[in-house]
Protein backbone atom coordinates (compact mmCIF):
# COMPACT_ATOMS: atom_id res chain seq x y z
CA MET A 1 0.00 0.00 0.00
CA LEU A 2 1.39 3.38 -1.03
CA SER A 3 1.74 5.98 1.70
CA GLU A 4 0.97 9.64 0.98
CA PHE A 5 4.67 10.50 0.78
CA ASP A 6 5.56 7.47 -1.33
CA LEU A 7 2.79 8.48 -3.74
CA ILE A 8 4.20 12.00 -4.10
CA LYS A 9 7.77 10.78 -4.46
CA ARG A 10 6.97 8.11 -7.05
CA TYR A 11 4.56 9.96 -9.32
CA PHE A 12 5.10 13.69 -8.89
CA ALA A 13 8.33 14.67 -7.12
CA GLN A 14 10.47 13.62 -10.09
CA HIS A 15 9.16 16.62 -12.03
CA ARG A 16 12.18 18.89 -11.52
CA ILE A 17 13.27 21.28 -14.26
CA GLN A 18 16.06 23.81 -13.85
CA ASP A 19 14.46 27.26 -13.92
CA SER A 20 15.78 30.39 -12.21
CA ARG A 21 12.19 31.38 -11.40
CA ILE A 22 11.82 28.33 -9.12
CA ALA A 23 13.90 28.88 -5.98
CA LEU A 24 12.40 25.89 -4.15
CA GLY A 25 9.95 23.26 -5.36
CA ILE A 26 8.43 20.09 -3.92
CA GLY A 27 9.59 18.95 -0.49
CA ASP A 28 9.14 21.81 1.98
CA ASP A 29 6.27 23.63 3.68
CA CYS A 30 6.13 26.20 0.89
CA ALA A 31 7.52 26.58 -2.60
CA LEU A 32 9.55 29.69 -3.39
CA LEU A 33 9.23 31.60 -6.66
CA ASN A 34 11.46 34.26 -8.18
CA PRO A 35 9.36 36.10 -10.78
CA SER A 36 11.41 37.70 -13.52
CA PRO A 37 12.49 41.28 -12.65
CA GLY A 38 9.82 43.86 -13.45
CA MET A 39 7.12 41.27 -14.13
CA GLN A 40 3.65 40.95 -12.59
CA MET A 41 2.25 37.67 -11.27
CA ALA A 42 -0.93 36.07 -12.66
CA ILE A 43 -2.54 33.43 -10.40
CA SER A 44 -5.59 31.21 -10.95
CA SER A 45 -7.18 28.15 -9.34
CA ASP A 46 -9.53 25.55 -10.81
CA MET A 47 -11.17 22.54 -9.18
CA LEU A 48 -12.32 19.48 -11.15
CA VAL A 49 -14.76 17.19 -9.34
CA SER A 50 -15.50 13.61 -10.39
CA GLY A 51 -19.05 13.28 -11.72
CA ARG A 52 -19.31 17.03 -12.15
CA HIS A 53 -16.43 18.02 -14.44
CA PHE A 54 -15.45 14.58 -15.71
CA PHE A 55 -16.87 11.07 -15.82
CA HIS A 56 -16.08 8.67 -12.99
CA ASP A 57 -14.33 6.34 -15.46
CA ALA A 58 -12.44 9.10 -17.32
CA ASP A 59 -9.18 8.06 -18.95
CA PRO A 60 -6.58 9.12 -16.33
CA ARG A 61 -3.94 10.26 -18.86
CA MET A 62 -6.45 12.52 -20.61
CA LEU A 63 -7.70 13.71 -17.23
CA GLY A 64 -4.17 14.66 -16.20
CA HIS A 65 -3.84 16.67 -19.40
CA LYS A 66 -7.20 18.39 -19.01
CA CYS A 67 -6.85 19.44 -15.39
CA LEU A 68 -3.67 21.37 -16.20
CA ALA A 69 -4.90 22.57 -19.61
CA VAL A 70 -7.90 24.39 -18.12
CA ASN A 71 -5.59 26.26 -15.76
CA LEU A 72 -3.12 27.11 -18.52
CA SER A 73 -6.11 28.43 -20.46
CA ASP A 74 -6.76 30.96 -17.69
CA LEU A 75 -3.19 32.24 -18.05
CA ALA A 76 -3.65 32.41 -21.82
CA ALA A 77 -6.77 34.55 -21.36
CA MET A 78 -4.69 37.11 -19.45
CA GLY A 79 -1.72 36.99 -21.82
CA ALA A 80 0.51 35.46 -19.15
CA LYS A 81 3.49 33.12 -19.51
CA PRO A 82 3.33 29.99 -17.31
CA ILE A 83 5.77 29.55 -14.43
CA ALA A 84 4.55 26.84 -12.06
CA PHE A 85 1.57 25.11 -10.47
CA THR A 86 0.52 23.27 -7.33
CA LEU A 87 -1.66 20.16 -7.25
CA ALA A 88 -4.14 19.24 -4.51
CA LEU A 89 -5.42 15.72 -5.12
CA SER A 90 -8.13 13.83 -3.25
CA LEU A 91 -8.14 10.10 -4.11
CA PRO A 92 -10.50 7.27 -3.13
CA GLU A 93 -7.45 4.96 -3.21
CA ALA A 94 -3.77 5.06 -4.17
CA ASN A 95 -4.09 3.05 -7.38
CA PRO A 96 -0.59 2.77 -8.98
CA ALA A 97 -1.87 2.17 -12.52
CA TRP A 98 -4.23 5.17 -12.36
CA LEU A 99 -1.58 7.41 -10.81
CA ALA A 100 1.02 6.46 -13.42
CA GLU A 101 -1.31 7.42 -16.27
CA PHE A 102 -2.65 10.56 -14.59
CA SER A 103 0.79 11.90 -13.74
CA ALA A 104 2.07 11.08 -17.25
CA GLY A 105 -0.68 13.16 -18.88
CA LEU A 106 -0.28 15.99 -16.38
CA LEU A 107 3.50 16.23 -16.54
CA ALA A 108 3.72 15.85 -20.33
CA LEU A 109 1.64 19.01 -20.73
CA ALA A 110 3.62 20.72 -17.95
CA ASP A 111 6.83 19.98 -19.85
CA GLU A 112 5.35 21.27 -23.10
CA TYR A 113 4.64 24.66 -21.53
CA GLN A 114 7.62 24.72 -19.14
CA CYS A 115 5.21 24.97 -16.21
CA HIS A 116 6.73 23.33 -13.16
CA LEU A 117 4.96 21.32 -10.44
CA ILE A 118 6.21 22.91 -7.21
CA GLY A 119 4.00 21.42 -4.48
CA GLY A 120 0.50 20.67 -3.30
CA ASP A 121 -1.27 18.11 -1.15
CA THR A 122 -2.81 14.64 -1.29
CA THR A 123 -5.52 13.09 0.84
CA LYS A 124 -8.01 10.24 0.79
CA GLY A 125 -11.56 11.08 -0.27
CA PRO A 126 -13.80 11.48 -3.33
CA LEU A 127 -11.80 12.12 -6.51
CA ASN A 128 -11.21 15.88 -6.70
CA ILE A 129 -8.37 17.69 -8.45
CA CYS A 130 -7.48 21.29 -7.63
CA ILE A 131 -4.67 23.17 -9.35
CA THR A 132 -3.35 26.64 -8.60
CA ILE A 133 -1.26 28.04 -11.42
CA PHE A 134 1.24 30.90 -11.51
CA GLY A 135 2.28 32.96 -14.51
CA GLU A 136 3.91 36.28 -15.26
CA LEU A 137 3.50 39.19 -17.63
CA PRO A 138 4.66 42.81 -17.97
CA PRO A 139 2.64 45.21 -15.78
CA GLY A 140 -0.18 46.91 -17.65
CA THR A 141 -0.42 44.29 -20.43
CA ALA A 142 -2.99 41.90 -18.94
CA LEU A 143 -6.04 41.18 -21.11
CA ARG A 144 -8.72 42.01 -18.56
CA ARG A 145 -12.47 41.44 -18.77
CA ASP A 146 -13.22 45.09 -17.98
CA ALA A 147 -11.28 46.55 -20.92
CA ALA A 148 -13.65 46.12 -23.92
CA ARG A 149 -14.56 49.33 -25.71
CA SER A 150 -17.43 50.26 -28.02
CA GLY A 151 -16.35 49.70 -31.62
CA ASP A 152 -14.06 46.78 -30.77
CA ASP A 153 -14.19 43.70 -32.96
CA ILE A 154 -15.02 40.44 -31.19
CA TRP A 155 -12.81 37.49 -32.10
CA VAL A 156 -12.64 33.84 -31.14
CA SER A 157 -9.77 31.40 -31.53
CA GLY A 158 -10.00 27.90 -33.01
CA THR A 159 -13.42 26.27 -33.29
CA LEU A 160 -16.40 25.86 -30.98
CA GLY A 161 -18.96 23.23 -30.11
CA ASP A 162 -17.31 19.85 -30.70
CA ALA A 163 -16.77 19.32 -26.97
CA ARG A 164 -20.45 19.97 -26.28
CA LEU A 165 -21.41 17.72 -29.20
CA ALA A 166 -19.33 14.90 -27.73
CA LEU A 167 -21.04 15.35 -24.37
CA ALA A 168 -24.45 15.29 -26.09
CA ALA A 169 -23.50 11.97 -27.68
CA TYR A 170 -22.40 10.56 -24.31
CA TRP A 171 -25.77 11.63 -22.89
CA ASN A 172 -27.65 10.15 -25.89
CA GLU A 173 -29.01 13.57 -26.84
CA VAL A 174 -27.64 13.09 -30.37
CA SER A 175 -26.41 10.12 -32.37
CA LEU A 176 -22.88 10.13 -33.83
CA GLN A 177 -20.88 7.55 -35.71
CA SER A 178 -18.15 6.07 -33.50
CA HIS A 179 -15.25 7.76 -35.33
CA ALA A 180 -17.01 11.14 -35.29
CA HIS A 181 -17.73 10.83 -31.57
CA GLN A 182 -14.09 9.96 -30.87
CA GLN A 183 -12.91 12.96 -32.88
CA ALA A 184 -15.25 15.36 -31.08
CA ALA A 185 -14.42 13.83 -27.70
CA LEU A 186 -10.75 14.73 -28.13
CA ARG A 187 -11.77 18.38 -27.88
CA MET A 188 -13.68 17.60 -24.70
CA HIS A 189 -10.97 15.54 -23.01
CA THR A 190 -7.75 17.19 -24.26
CA PRO A 191 -8.28 20.93 -24.84
CA SER A 192 -5.42 23.04 -26.21
CA PRO A 193 -4.53 26.07 -24.06
CA ARG A 194 -3.88 29.10 -26.29
CA ILE A 195 -0.84 30.39 -24.39
CA ALA A 196 1.09 31.58 -27.45
CA LEU A 197 -1.91 33.50 -28.83
CA GLY A 198 -2.66 35.15 -25.50
CA MET A 199 0.92 36.37 -25.17
CA ALA A 200 0.96 37.58 -28.78
CA LEU A 201 -2.21 39.64 -28.18
CA ARG A 202 -0.64 41.83 -25.52
CA ASP A 203 -0.82 45.48 -26.59
CA ILE A 204 -3.13 44.47 -29.49
CA ALA A 205 -6.34 43.27 -27.83
CA HIS A 206 -8.35 45.04 -25.15
CA ALA A 207 -10.32 42.37 -23.25
CA ALA A 208 -10.22 38.57 -23.23
CA LEU A 209 -11.36 35.44 -21.44
CA ASP A 210 -11.33 31.72 -22.10
CA ILE A 211 -14.52 29.93 -23.10
CA SER A 212 -15.23 27.32 -20.46
CA ASP A 213 -18.98 27.61 -19.87
CA GLY A 214 -20.17 28.67 -23.35
CA LEU A 215 -19.42 31.63 -25.61
CA ALA A 216 -22.59 33.65 -24.96
CA GLY A 217 -22.45 33.36 -21.20
CA ASP A 218 -18.71 33.91 -20.99
CA LEU A 219 -18.80 36.90 -23.35
CA GLY A 220 -21.50 38.23 -21.05
CA HIS A 221 -18.86 38.55 -18.31
CA ILE A 222 -16.85 40.88 -20.56
CA LEU A 223 -19.95 42.92 -21.39
CA GLU A 224 -20.93 43.26 -17.74
CA LYS A 225 -17.44 44.12 -16.50
CA SER A 226 -16.85 46.59 -19.33
CA GLY A 227 -20.31 48.20 -19.24
CA VAL A 228 -20.99 47.57 -22.93
CA GLY A 229 -23.14 45.41 -25.21
CA ALA A 230 -22.48 43.42 -28.36
CA THR A 231 -23.80 42.02 -31.59
CA LEU A 232 -22.76 38.51 -32.63
CA LEU A 233 -23.03 37.12 -36.16
CA ILE A 234 -24.15 33.67 -35.11
CA ASP A 235 -23.59 31.96 -38.45
CA GLN A 236 -19.97 33.16 -38.46
CA LEU A 237 -19.19 31.29 -35.24
CA PRO A 238 -16.55 28.71 -36.23
CA ALA A 239 -18.09 25.29 -35.61
CA GLY A 240 -15.78 22.35 -34.94
CA PRO A 241 -15.23 19.90 -37.82
CA VAL A 242 -17.67 17.33 -36.43
CA LEU A 243 -20.30 19.90 -35.49
CA GLN A 244 -20.09 21.34 -39.03
CA THR A 245 -21.81 18.15 -40.25
CA GLN A 246 -24.83 18.71 -38.00
CA PRO A 247 -28.06 20.63 -38.67
CA GLN A 248 -28.00 24.42 -38.43
CA ASP A 249 -30.02 24.64 -35.21
CA LEU A 250 -27.59 22.32 -33.43
CA ARG A 251 -24.58 24.24 -34.80
CA ARG A 252 -26.02 27.47 -33.51
CA GLN A 253 -26.89 26.01 -30.12
CA PHE A 254 -23.53 24.39 -29.44
CA THR A 255 -21.27 27.14 -30.82
CA LEU A 256 -23.21 29.71 -28.80
CA ASN A 257 -23.80 27.81 -25.55
CA GLY A 258 -21.47 24.83 -25.59
CA GLY A 259 -18.86 24.59 -22.86
CA ASP A 260 -15.41 23.00 -22.49
CA ASP A 261 -14.00 24.68 -25.61
CA TYR A 262 -11.20 26.55 -23.79
CA GLU A 263 -10.73 28.84 -26.76
CA LEU A 264 -10.07 32.55 -26.31
CA CYS A 265 -12.74 35.16 -26.90
CA PHE A 266 -11.22 38.63 -27.13
CA THR A 267 -11.95 42.15 -28.29
CA ALA A 268 -9.63 44.46 -30.21
CA PRO A 269 -9.94 47.81 -31.96
CA ALA A 270 -11.11 47.53 -35.57
CA GLY A 271 -7.92 49.30 -36.60
CA ASN A 272 -5.88 46.38 -35.22
CA ARG A 273 -7.31 43.69 -37.51
CA GLN A 274 -4.07 43.08 -39.37
CA GLN A 275 -2.16 42.94 -36.08
CA VAL A 276 -4.63 40.39 -34.72
CA LEU A 277 -4.19 38.23 -37.81
CA ALA A 278 -0.41 38.56 -37.54
CA ALA A 279 -0.54 37.51 -33.87
CA ALA A 280 -2.69 34.52 -34.83
CA ALA A 281 -0.22 33.51 -37.55
CA GLN A 282 2.72 33.98 -35.19
CA SER A 283 1.09 31.67 -32.62
CA GLY A 284 -0.15 29.13 -35.17
CA THR A 285 -3.76 29.62 -34.06
CA ALA A 286 -6.73 30.35 -36.31
CA VAL A 287 -8.98 33.25 -35.30
CA THR A 288 -12.40 34.36 -36.54
CA ARG A 289 -14.05 37.78 -36.27
CA ILE A 290 -17.57 37.14 -34.98
CA GLY A 291 -19.11 40.46 -33.97
CA GLN A 292 -18.70 43.90 -32.51
CA ILE A 293 -18.79 45.60 -29.12
CA GLU A 294 -21.43 48.34 -28.90
CA SER A 295 -22.39 50.97 -26.35
CA ALA A 296 -25.99 49.72 -25.99
CA ALA A 297 -26.26 47.08 -23.27
CA GLY A 298 -27.25 43.50 -24.05
CA LEU A 299 -26.25 40.78 -26.49
CA ARG A 300 -27.86 40.78 -29.95
CA LEU A 301 -27.71 37.85 -32.37
CA LEU A 302 -27.89 38.25 -36.15
CA ASP A 303 -28.08 35.56 -38.83
CA ALA A 304 -26.19 35.59 -42.15
CA GLU A 305 -28.83 37.90 -43.70
CA GLY A 306 -28.69 40.37 -40.82
CA ASN A 307 -31.99 39.27 -39.26
CA ARG A 308 -32.30 39.50 -35.48
CA LEU A 309 -32.60 36.10 -33.81
CA HIS A 310 -34.06 35.44 -30.39
CA LEU A 311 -32.25 32.34 -29.18
CA PRO A 312 -31.82 31.32 -25.54
CA TYR A 313 -28.32 31.66 -24.17
CA GLN A 314 -26.83 31.26 -20.73
CA SER A 315 -23.57 30.46 -19.01
CA PHE A 316 -23.17 27.16 -17.19
CA ASP A 317 -23.59 27.62 -13.42
CA HIS A 318 -22.47 24.88 -11.03
CA PHE A 319 -25.20 25.76 -8.52
CA VAL A 320 -28.00 26.07 -11.09
CA ASN A 321 -27.30 23.48 -13.80
CA PRO A 322 -27.94 19.83 -12.89
C-alpha cells in the first residue's frame, strides 16, 4: 500500500526542471518563486470534481492533461506566460496504474509549456483535483475582462462546439458515428490552451477570457465588467469539424452555448485587424471575427442575412445546472 509521501515521491516529485524562477519546489512547507524582474504575477485556481467536471471512469492520462490545460487556459486569457503550479489531489485509493497514467498526462503538458509542479497536497476522499497556477506578464499588459470598448471587434480562436457535441452523444441527446464521436471527444478531453496566442495579443487586444462555460455566457462577463453590449453574427461562429456536419439549429446552439471549448474570446480595436491576424499567424492559431462591441447594453444575435434572432443563451452555473 502506497503511503501519501511514497505516492508524491513516485509519481510527482520527479518533475524537476532547472528554472531560475523556481527557488524551491516540492519537499518543503512552501515553494519559493522568483518572478522575472519587473514582471507581474498572474494566479488562478480551478477545481475538477468527479461526476461534475469529468466522468467517474475518465481516462486518467487525458484527465491529467485536461486538469492542467484548463488552468493554462486561464493564463492564456490574461496573456501570461506559465511559471509553475501546485496540485491538490483527493483520491479514493492510491491506485498505482491510475496514478502512473494521470501523472504522465499531467507532466507531459507541464513539460510542453515549461510549467513546473512545485507542491500541493494529497488526501483520501472522493476524486477531486485542484490546481493553482502561476504565470507572469509585464505590468499593464494583462487582457482584462473590464477593458472592452465600443467599436471593438469580437474574435474567437480555433473552433467551438465539438466538446459539447461529444457530451451530447455521451448523454444520448444526439447520435454520432463512432469515429465522429471519438474525434469530437478529443476536444472535450484534451483541450489546447492558447498560451502563445494570449501572449501575442498583448498590446493588441483590449479584453479577453477563455470559453469554459459557453461563448454567450462567458462573453457576457466581458460585457458586464466593461459596461458595454455586443452584436454577434451567429452563423460566423466557427463550428468544430464534427459539429459542421450537424443541422444548423444544433450548430447554432452548441457554438453559442457549448462549454469546455477553452478557446479565447477577445476584443480588439477595428484598426488592429491586421495585427490580430499577424498575432494569430505567429502563434499558429486560427482566429475568426464574430461580432462587434457596442455601447448599448445586451447581447444581440444576427443571422447571415442580418436578421435578429431570439435564441436562448446562458452560461453554465455549477449551482444552477444539474
